[in-house]
Amino acid sequence: MYNFQEGFMQTVASIATCLLFFNSSAQTKIVSSSFSSYNVSAESMCGINISNNAGEISVTIESKITNVQGTELIKVTSNPITLKNGVFNSLQLGLKVANINYQNTSVAEFVRIYHQLPSGKYNYCVSININDGVGDELCDDIESESSSFLTLINPIDKDTLEIYNPVLIWNHSETFNILQQGEFYRMIVTEIKKDQNAESAINVNNALFQQNFLSKHDVLYPFDAPKLQTGGRYAWQVQKVANGVITNKTEAWEFVFKSKTDVVPMVVEITPKLNVSPYIVVDDKICFLFKEEYSSTDQKLNAVILNAKGEEVKIKRESGKNVANSNIKQTGSNRYEVNLFGLGLKEGNYLLKIFNEKDQAFLLKFIIQ
């Protein structure tokens, strides 16, 4: 015999099960996001594809960007939008931004001005909020790097230097003040040993010079660092470091410090007319040709050195003779050499005046580097 009460309870249970199943399948989901680190705006941060099978509902969208430390940089909240059943793009539903908040940080200010993320790692999260309902959230780790550059400038790769304390110049695309906590740039200079290239030298050898927390693009190789050796090969590189890990770096470039044995002294002809380009002194010596008709090939020459102000540089030995005079040496037919070693001349521009036996003056500008 049919039990009416028992049948009624079974029917109610079946209906409840169906309702429960329907409610569990009625969901509003974030399918995907179109956010890109190259285009950061309030609208792009809220641009998502939404799947809805919960009937007509009103939702708001909230998105935020945080750095690797979890510090919030930007937060955006939308006005409510109405969803029906189906799959929709939020931007095609007439989404309007209710509020955008940039935190008081250099990175957030960079994004506000340039509408892109500076190089680094970030977290992007977007969520849909439903009144009296369960929303959804989508989060993604983002690494921004294509918008930036980090490069060496001077000395160029494989260049030869003659200065013991060169200025090393590099550049990067972003300002120093957008570095996040734990980030800094450093420069490394090391010696290149036999059978090494610049990259392997940087990776393996101890640094001759390392400067952390760079705050400018020109760095003087310091006077208290190990002295560059003539003929030595050296590698240098600039690295970006975040929490002890190298996150970006330039190519490793090489320069050679010029060996004195490789230097060939310049020989010029000295004339009564002043030369336009100064003679560059090598190994403390000036080598010149002195050609004069109707004169002996071994005639006696006298010399005077003037400083940049036109004043005679008077340095005398115990004999009382002018050092420049006594340091003139004939090295061949019409070839002469002035030895400046021991004169104590500082770096700068000078004028050498050579007098022949007729007391006629011949001029040569020279420079000591």
Protein backbone atom coordinates (compact mmCIF):
# COMPACT_ATOMS: atom_id res chain seq x y z
CA MET A 1 0.00 0.00 0.00
CA TYR A 2 1.33 3.43 -0.99
CA ASN A 3 2.54 5.49 1.99
CA PHE A 4 1.56 9.08 1.14
CA GLN A 5 3.70 10.68 3.84
CA GLU A 6 6.80 8.72 2.87
CA GLY A 7 6.28 9.53 -0.82
CA PHE A 8 5.83 13.22 -0.09
CA MET A 9 9.11 13.36 1.84
CA GLN A 10 10.97 11.60 -0.99
CA THR A 11 9.60 14.13 -3.47
CA VAL A 12 10.70 17.07 -1.29
CA ALA A 13 14.16 15.54 -0.94
CA SER A 14 14.43 15.13 -4.71
CA ILE A 15 13.44 18.76 -5.31
CA ALA A 16 15.96 19.96 -2.70
CA THR A 17 18.67 17.88 -4.33
CA CYS A 18 17.87 19.41 -7.72
CA LEU A 19 17.89 22.93 -6.28
CA LEU A 20 21.18 22.26 -4.53
CA PHE A 21 22.68 20.94 -7.75
CA PHE A 22 21.38 23.94 -9.70
CA ASN A 23 22.80 26.38 -7.18
CA SER A 24 26.17 24.65 -7.12
CA SER A 25 26.40 24.83 -10.91
CA ALA A 26 25.25 28.46 -11.02
CA GLN A 27 28.63 30.25 -11.01
CA THR A 28 30.25 33.46 -12.12
CA LYS A 29 33.83 32.86 -13.22
CA ILE A 30 36.76 34.87 -14.54
CA VAL A 31 37.81 33.07 -17.70
CA SER A 32 40.85 35.19 -18.61
CA SER A 33 42.43 38.63 -18.37
CA SER A 34 43.88 40.80 -21.13
CA PHE A 35 46.20 42.72 -18.79
CA SER A 36 49.69 43.51 -20.12
CA SER A 37 52.67 45.11 -18.40
CA TYR A 38 53.14 47.29 -21.51
CA ASN A 39 49.71 48.93 -21.18
CA VAL A 40 48.77 49.69 -17.59
CA SER A 41 45.61 51.74 -17.09
CA ALA A 42 42.54 51.56 -14.90
CA GLU A 43 40.54 50.07 -17.77
CA SER A 44 43.17 47.52 -18.80
CA MET A 45 43.50 46.32 -15.21
CA CYS A 46 39.76 45.57 -15.17
CA GLY A 47 39.63 44.06 -18.65
CA ILE A 48 38.50 40.44 -18.14
CA ASN A 49 36.35 37.78 -19.82
CA ILE A 50 33.57 36.58 -17.51
CA SER A 51 31.45 33.43 -17.70
CA ASN A 52 28.08 33.65 -15.90
CA ASN A 53 25.29 31.09 -15.53
CA ALA A 54 23.77 32.48 -12.34
CA GLY A 55 21.15 34.56 -14.08
CA GLU A 56 21.09 38.33 -14.16
CA ILE A 57 23.39 39.70 -11.45
CA SER A 58 25.22 42.91 -10.60
CA VAL A 59 28.98 42.71 -9.98
CA THR A 60 31.91 45.03 -9.36
CA ILE A 61 35.48 44.38 -10.49
CA GLU A 62 38.50 45.06 -8.31
CA SER A 63 42.11 44.71 -9.43
CA LYS A 64 45.49 45.48 -7.89
CA ILE A 65 49.20 45.24 -8.60
CA THR A 66 51.72 44.42 -5.87
CA ASN A 67 55.51 44.13 -5.91
CA VAL A 68 57.48 41.02 -4.96
CA GLN A 69 57.37 42.05 -1.30
CA GLY A 70 53.56 42.11 -1.43
CA THR A 71 53.31 45.89 -1.15
CA GLU A 72 50.30 47.24 -2.99
CA LEU A 73 51.20 49.69 -5.77
CA ILE A 74 47.92 50.32 -7.62
CA LYS A 75 44.31 49.44 -6.86
CA VAL A 76 41.31 49.92 -9.16
CA THR A 77 37.59 49.49 -8.40
CA SER A 78 34.83 49.61 -11.03
CA ASN A 79 31.25 50.77 -10.90
CA PRO A 80 28.67 47.93 -10.87
CA ILE A 81 27.97 46.21 -14.18
CA THR A 82 25.06 43.90 -14.98
CA LEU A 83 25.72 40.37 -16.19
CA LYS A 84 23.28 38.03 -17.89
CA ASN A 85 23.90 34.39 -18.66
CA GLY A 86 26.75 33.88 -21.08
CA VAL A 87 30.37 34.88 -21.63
CA PHE A 88 31.18 38.58 -21.74
CA ASN A 89 34.11 40.95 -21.91
CA SER A 90 33.93 43.54 -19.15
CA LEU A 91 35.14 46.37 -21.38
CA GLN A 92 32.32 45.68 -23.87
CA LEU A 93 29.74 46.03 -21.12
CA GLY A 94 30.44 49.73 -20.69
CA LEU A 95 32.66 49.32 -17.65
CA LYS A 96 33.33 52.55 -15.76
CA VAL A 97 36.07 53.08 -13.18
CA ALA A 98 34.84 54.17 -9.77
CA ASN A 99 38.22 54.64 -8.12
CA ILE A 100 41.94 54.27 -8.87
CA ASN A 101 44.54 54.60 -6.14
CA TYR A 102 48.29 54.98 -6.80
CA GLN A 103 50.40 54.45 -3.71
CA ASN A 104 53.00 57.08 -2.84
CA THR A 105 55.95 55.20 -4.34
CA SER A 106 58.32 55.93 -7.21
CA VAL A 107 57.19 52.79 -9.06
CA ALA A 108 53.51 53.76 -8.84
CA GLU A 109 54.38 57.26 -10.03
CA PHE A 110 56.30 55.76 -12.97
CA VAL A 111 53.23 53.72 -13.95
CA ARG A 112 50.94 56.74 -13.61
CA ILE A 113 53.12 58.76 -16.00
CA TYR A 114 54.24 56.13 -18.53
CA HIS A 115 51.36 53.58 -18.28
CA GLN A 116 53.73 50.63 -18.12
CA LEU A 117 55.50 48.64 -15.44
CA PRO A 118 59.21 49.25 -14.99
CA SER A 119 61.42 46.19 -15.21
CA GLY A 120 60.91 43.82 -12.32
CA LYS A 121 58.60 41.16 -10.93
CA TYR A 122 55.03 41.88 -9.85
CA ASN A 123 51.75 40.18 -8.95
CA TYR A 124 48.47 41.10 -10.66
CA CYS A 125 45.13 40.10 -9.13
CA VAL A 126 41.60 40.81 -10.37
CA SER A 127 38.36 39.77 -8.68
CA ILE A 128 34.61 40.00 -9.26
CA ASN A 129 32.47 40.80 -6.24
CA ILE A 130 28.78 39.83 -6.06
CA ASN A 131 26.34 41.06 -3.45
CA ASP A 132 25.07 38.08 -1.46
CA GLY A 133 27.02 35.72 -3.69
CA VAL A 134 30.34 34.04 -4.28
CA GLY A 135 32.67 35.87 -6.66
CA ASP A 136 35.91 34.78 -8.26
CA GLU A 137 39.57 35.84 -8.37
CA LEU A 138 42.40 35.47 -10.89
CA CYS A 139 46.04 36.17 -9.97
CA ASP A 140 49.16 36.03 -12.09
CA ASP A 141 52.87 36.68 -11.60
CA ILE A 142 54.22 39.20 -14.09
CA GLU A 143 57.80 39.95 -15.08
CA SER A 144 58.35 43.18 -16.97
CA GLU A 145 61.62 43.48 -18.86
CA SER A 146 61.14 44.32 -22.53
CA SER A 147 60.55 48.00 -21.86
CA SER A 148 64.00 48.46 -20.35
CA PHE A 149 67.60 48.46 -21.49
CA LEU A 150 70.85 48.13 -19.60
CA THR A 151 74.05 48.71 -21.56
CA LEU A 152 77.70 49.71 -21.42
CA ILE A 153 78.75 52.85 -23.28
CA ASN A 154 82.46 53.65 -22.93
CA PRO A 155 85.14 52.39 -23.28
CA ILE A 156 83.78 50.40 -26.19
CA ASP A 157 84.40 46.67 -26.34
CA LYS A 158 88.03 45.74 -27.14
CA ASP A 159 89.14 49.36 -26.69
CA THR A 160 92.72 50.26 -25.70
CA LEU A 161 93.23 52.68 -22.81
CA GLU A 162 96.24 54.71 -21.75
CA ILE A 163 94.79 56.24 -18.57
CA TYR A 164 95.34 54.49 -15.24
CA ASN A 165 92.02 55.74 -13.84
CA PRO A 166 89.52 55.70 -16.72
CA VAL A 167 85.90 56.80 -16.42
CA LEU A 168 83.60 53.85 -17.14
CA ILE A 169 80.24 54.92 -18.59
CA TRP A 170 77.02 52.88 -18.72
CA ASN A 171 73.31 53.63 -19.11
CA HIS A 172 69.87 52.23 -18.42
CA SER A 173 66.34 53.19 -19.39
CA GLU A 174 64.80 53.86 -16.01
CA THR A 175 65.45 56.31 -13.22
CA PHE A 176 67.29 55.18 -10.11
CA ASN A 177 64.43 56.16 -7.79
CA ILE A 178 62.09 53.43 -9.05
CA LEU A 179 64.31 50.67 -7.69
CA GLN A 180 62.35 48.52 -5.29
CA GLN A 181 63.50 47.45 -1.85
CA GLY A 182 66.52 45.15 -2.13
CA GLU A 183 67.36 46.23 -5.70
CA PHE A 184 70.52 48.03 -6.79
CA TYR A 185 73.02 48.28 -9.65
CA ARG A 186 76.67 47.35 -9.31
CA MET A 187 79.77 47.58 -11.49
CA ILE A 188 82.49 44.95 -11.57
CA VAL A 189 85.99 45.21 -13.08
CA THR A 190 88.28 42.20 -13.14
CA GLU A 191 91.41 40.99 -14.89
CA ILE A 192 91.10 38.64 -17.86
CA LYS A 193 93.50 35.74 -17.56
CA LYS A 194 94.92 33.58 -20.32
CA ASP A 195 92.34 31.60 -22.33
CA GLN A 196 89.46 33.59 -20.81
CA ASN A 197 86.96 35.91 -22.44
CA ALA A 198 85.31 38.85 -20.71
CA GLU A 199 82.21 36.90 -19.63
CA SER A 200 84.13 34.02 -18.07
CA ALA A 201 86.47 36.44 -16.30
CA ILE A 202 83.51 38.21 -14.69
CA ASN A 203 81.96 34.90 -13.63
CA VAL A 204 85.12 33.27 -12.26
CA ASN A 205 87.74 35.80 -11.19
CA ASN A 206 87.83 37.94 -8.09
CA ALA A 207 86.93 41.55 -8.76
CA LEU A 208 89.67 44.17 -8.84
CA PHE A 209 86.98 46.76 -8.29
CA GLN A 210 83.32 46.41 -7.35
CA GLN A 211 80.97 49.28 -6.62
CA ASN A 212 77.48 48.56 -5.33
CA PHE A 213 74.47 50.89 -5.18
CA LEU A 214 75.39 52.87 -8.28
CA SER A 215 73.60 56.22 -8.42
CA LYS A 216 75.15 57.68 -11.58
CA HIS A 217 76.17 56.50 -15.03
CA ASP A 218 79.84 57.53 -14.98
CA VAL A 219 82.18 55.74 -12.59
CA LEU A 220 85.84 56.63 -12.08
CA TYR A 221 88.15 53.65 -11.65
CA PRO A 222 89.38 54.63 -8.18
CA PHE A 223 92.92 55.62 -7.30
CA ASP A 224 92.99 53.17 -4.37
CA ALA A 225 91.98 50.19 -6.54
CA PRO A 226 94.68 47.81 -7.85
CA LYS A 227 96.67 49.61 -10.53
CA LEU A 228 95.99 48.65 -14.13
CA GLN A 229 99.03 46.88 -15.55
CA THR A 230 100.52 47.73 -18.93
CA GLY A 231 99.51 45.10 -21.45
CA GLY A 232 96.77 43.80 -19.14
CA ARG A 233 93.31 42.77 -20.35
CA TYR A 234 90.32 43.72 -18.23
CA ALA A 235 86.60 42.91 -18.22
CA TRP A 236 83.79 45.05 -16.86
CA GLN A 237 80.05 44.67 -16.44
CA VAL A 238 77.07 46.34 -14.76
CA GLN A 239 74.55 44.10 -13.01
CA LYS A 240 71.11 44.64 -11.51
CA VAL A 241 70.75 42.79 -8.22
CA ALA A 242 67.52 42.06 -6.33
CA ASN A 243 67.75 40.48 -2.89
CA GLY A 244 71.18 39.05 -3.68
CA VAL A 245 70.19 37.59 -7.07
CA ILE A 246 71.35 39.00 -10.43
CA THR A 247 68.14 39.81 -12.33
CA ASN A 248 69.65 41.69 -15.27
CA LYS A 249 73.10 42.51 -16.59
CA THR A 250 74.94 44.12 -19.47
CA GLU A 251 77.23 42.28 -21.80
CA ALA A 252 80.72 41.84 -20.41
CA TRP A 253 83.11 44.09 -22.32
CA GLU A 254 86.89 44.05 -22.53
CA PHE A 255 89.50 46.77 -22.59
CA VAL A 256 93.29 46.61 -22.82
CA PHE A 257 95.66 48.83 -20.92
CA LYS A 258 98.30 49.89 -23.42
CA SER A 259 101.76 48.42 -22.95
CA LYS A 260 104.67 50.80 -23.29
CA THR A 261 106.44 48.23 -25.44
CA ASP A 262 103.65 48.62 -27.99
CA VAL A 263 104.05 52.39 -28.27
CA VAL A 264 105.80 53.77 -31.33
CA PRO A 265 106.99 57.36 -30.68
CA MET A 266 105.72 59.94 -33.14
CA VAL A 267 108.34 61.76 -35.25
CA VAL A 268 107.49 65.21 -36.65
CA GLU A 269 109.41 67.84 -38.52
CA ILE A 270 109.94 71.00 -36.52
CA THR A 271 109.55 74.30 -38.42
CA PRO A 272 109.46 78.04 -37.69
CA LYS A 273 105.67 77.84 -38.06
CA LEU A 274 103.71 76.55 -35.06
CA ASN A 275 102.13 73.15 -35.58
CA VAL A 276 98.33 72.94 -35.44
CA SER A 277 97.98 69.58 -33.69
CA PRO A 278 100.02 69.12 -30.51
CA TYR A 279 102.69 66.46 -30.32
CA ILE A 280 101.67 63.76 -27.82
CA VAL A 281 104.60 62.80 -25.62
CA VAL A 282 105.33 59.08 -25.33
CA ASP A 283 107.80 57.65 -22.80
CA ASP A 284 108.86 61.19 -21.77
CA LYS A 285 110.45 61.82 -25.18
CA ILE A 286 109.89 64.22 -28.08
CA CYS A 287 111.29 62.93 -31.38
CA PHE A 288 111.63 65.40 -34.25
CA LEU A 289 113.29 66.05 -37.59
CA PHE A 290 115.31 69.23 -38.00
CA LYS A 291 116.11 69.98 -41.64
CA GLU A 292 117.93 73.17 -42.59
CA GLU A 293 119.76 73.96 -45.81
CA TYR A 294 123.41 75.03 -45.74
CA SER A 295 123.93 73.84 -42.17
CA SER A 296 126.00 71.10 -40.65
CA THR A 297 124.25 67.82 -39.99
CA ASP A 298 125.50 67.78 -36.41
CA GLN A 299 124.90 71.37 -35.46
CA LYS A 300 124.37 72.34 -31.83
CA LEU A 301 120.74 73.05 -30.87
CA ASN A 302 119.39 74.84 -27.83
CA ALA A 303 115.90 74.44 -26.38
CA VAL A 304 113.47 76.32 -24.18
CA ILE A 305 110.17 75.01 -22.83
CA LEU A 306 107.24 77.36 -22.25
CA ASN A 307 104.11 76.57 -20.26
CA ALA A 308 100.53 77.27 -21.35
CA LYS A 309 100.87 80.87 -20.14
CA GLY A 310 103.92 81.44 -22.32
CA GLU A 311 106.27 81.45 -19.33
CA GLU A 312 109.62 79.71 -19.56
CA VAL A 313 109.90 76.56 -17.52
CA LYS A 314 113.25 76.94 -15.74
CA ILE A 315 114.55 73.79 -14.18
CA LYS A 316 118.32 73.69 -13.70
CA ARG A 317 120.69 71.00 -12.64
CA GLU A 318 123.59 71.61 -10.28
CA SER A 319 125.72 72.54 -13.29
CA GLY A 320 123.42 75.51 -13.88
CA LYS A 321 122.57 74.39 -17.39
CA ASN A 322 118.99 74.42 -18.58
CA VAL A 323 117.70 70.87 -18.44
CA ALA A 324 115.98 71.10 -21.81
CA ASN A 325 119.28 72.12 -23.45
CA SER A 326 121.30 69.31 -21.94
CA ASN A 327 118.62 66.73 -22.78
CA ILE A 328 118.71 67.26 -26.56
CA LYS A 329 120.25 64.27 -28.26
CA GLN A 330 120.92 63.64 -31.94
CA THR A 331 119.73 60.15 -32.88
CA GLY A 332 120.46 60.16 -36.62
CA SER A 333 120.78 62.31 -39.69
CA ASN A 334 118.61 65.37 -38.96
CA ARG A 335 116.91 63.41 -36.20
CA TYR A 336 116.81 64.62 -32.62
CA GLU A 337 115.26 63.68 -29.33
CA VAL A 338 114.39 65.74 -26.25
CA ASN A 339 114.24 63.71 -23.06
CA LEU A 340 111.74 65.18 -20.60
CA PHE A 341 112.35 62.60 -17.91
CA GLY A 342 113.18 64.21 -14.60
CA LEU A 343 111.93 67.66 -15.55
CA GLY A 344 108.90 67.33 -13.31
CA LEU A 345 106.51 68.58 -15.98
CA LYS A 346 102.88 68.04 -15.05
CA GLU A 347 100.08 67.02 -17.39
CA GLY A 348 99.17 69.82 -19.75
CA ASN A 349 100.11 71.79 -22.87
CA TYR A 350 103.58 73.18 -23.53
CA LEU A 351 105.63 74.85 -26.27
CA LEU A 352 109.10 73.68 -27.25
CA LYS A 353 111.32 76.35 -28.84
CA ILE A 354 114.41 75.05 -30.62
CA PHE A 355 117.18 77.52 -31.53
CA ASN A 356 119.75 76.77 -34.21
CA GLU A 357 123.29 78.09 -34.31
CA LYS A 358 122.00 81.29 -35.93
CA ASP A 359 119.61 81.75 -32.98
CA GLN A 360 116.58 81.21 -35.21
CA ALA A 361 113.53 79.76 -33.42
CA PHE A 362 111.64 76.63 -34.46
CA LEU A 363 108.38 75.77 -32.66
CA LEU A 364 106.56 72.64 -31.54
CA LYS A 365 103.45 72.41 -29.38
CA PHE A 366 103.34 69.27 -27.25
CA ILE A 367 101.07 67.77 -24.65
CA ILE A 368 101.79 65.56 -21.65
CA GLN A 369 98.90 63.27 -20.68
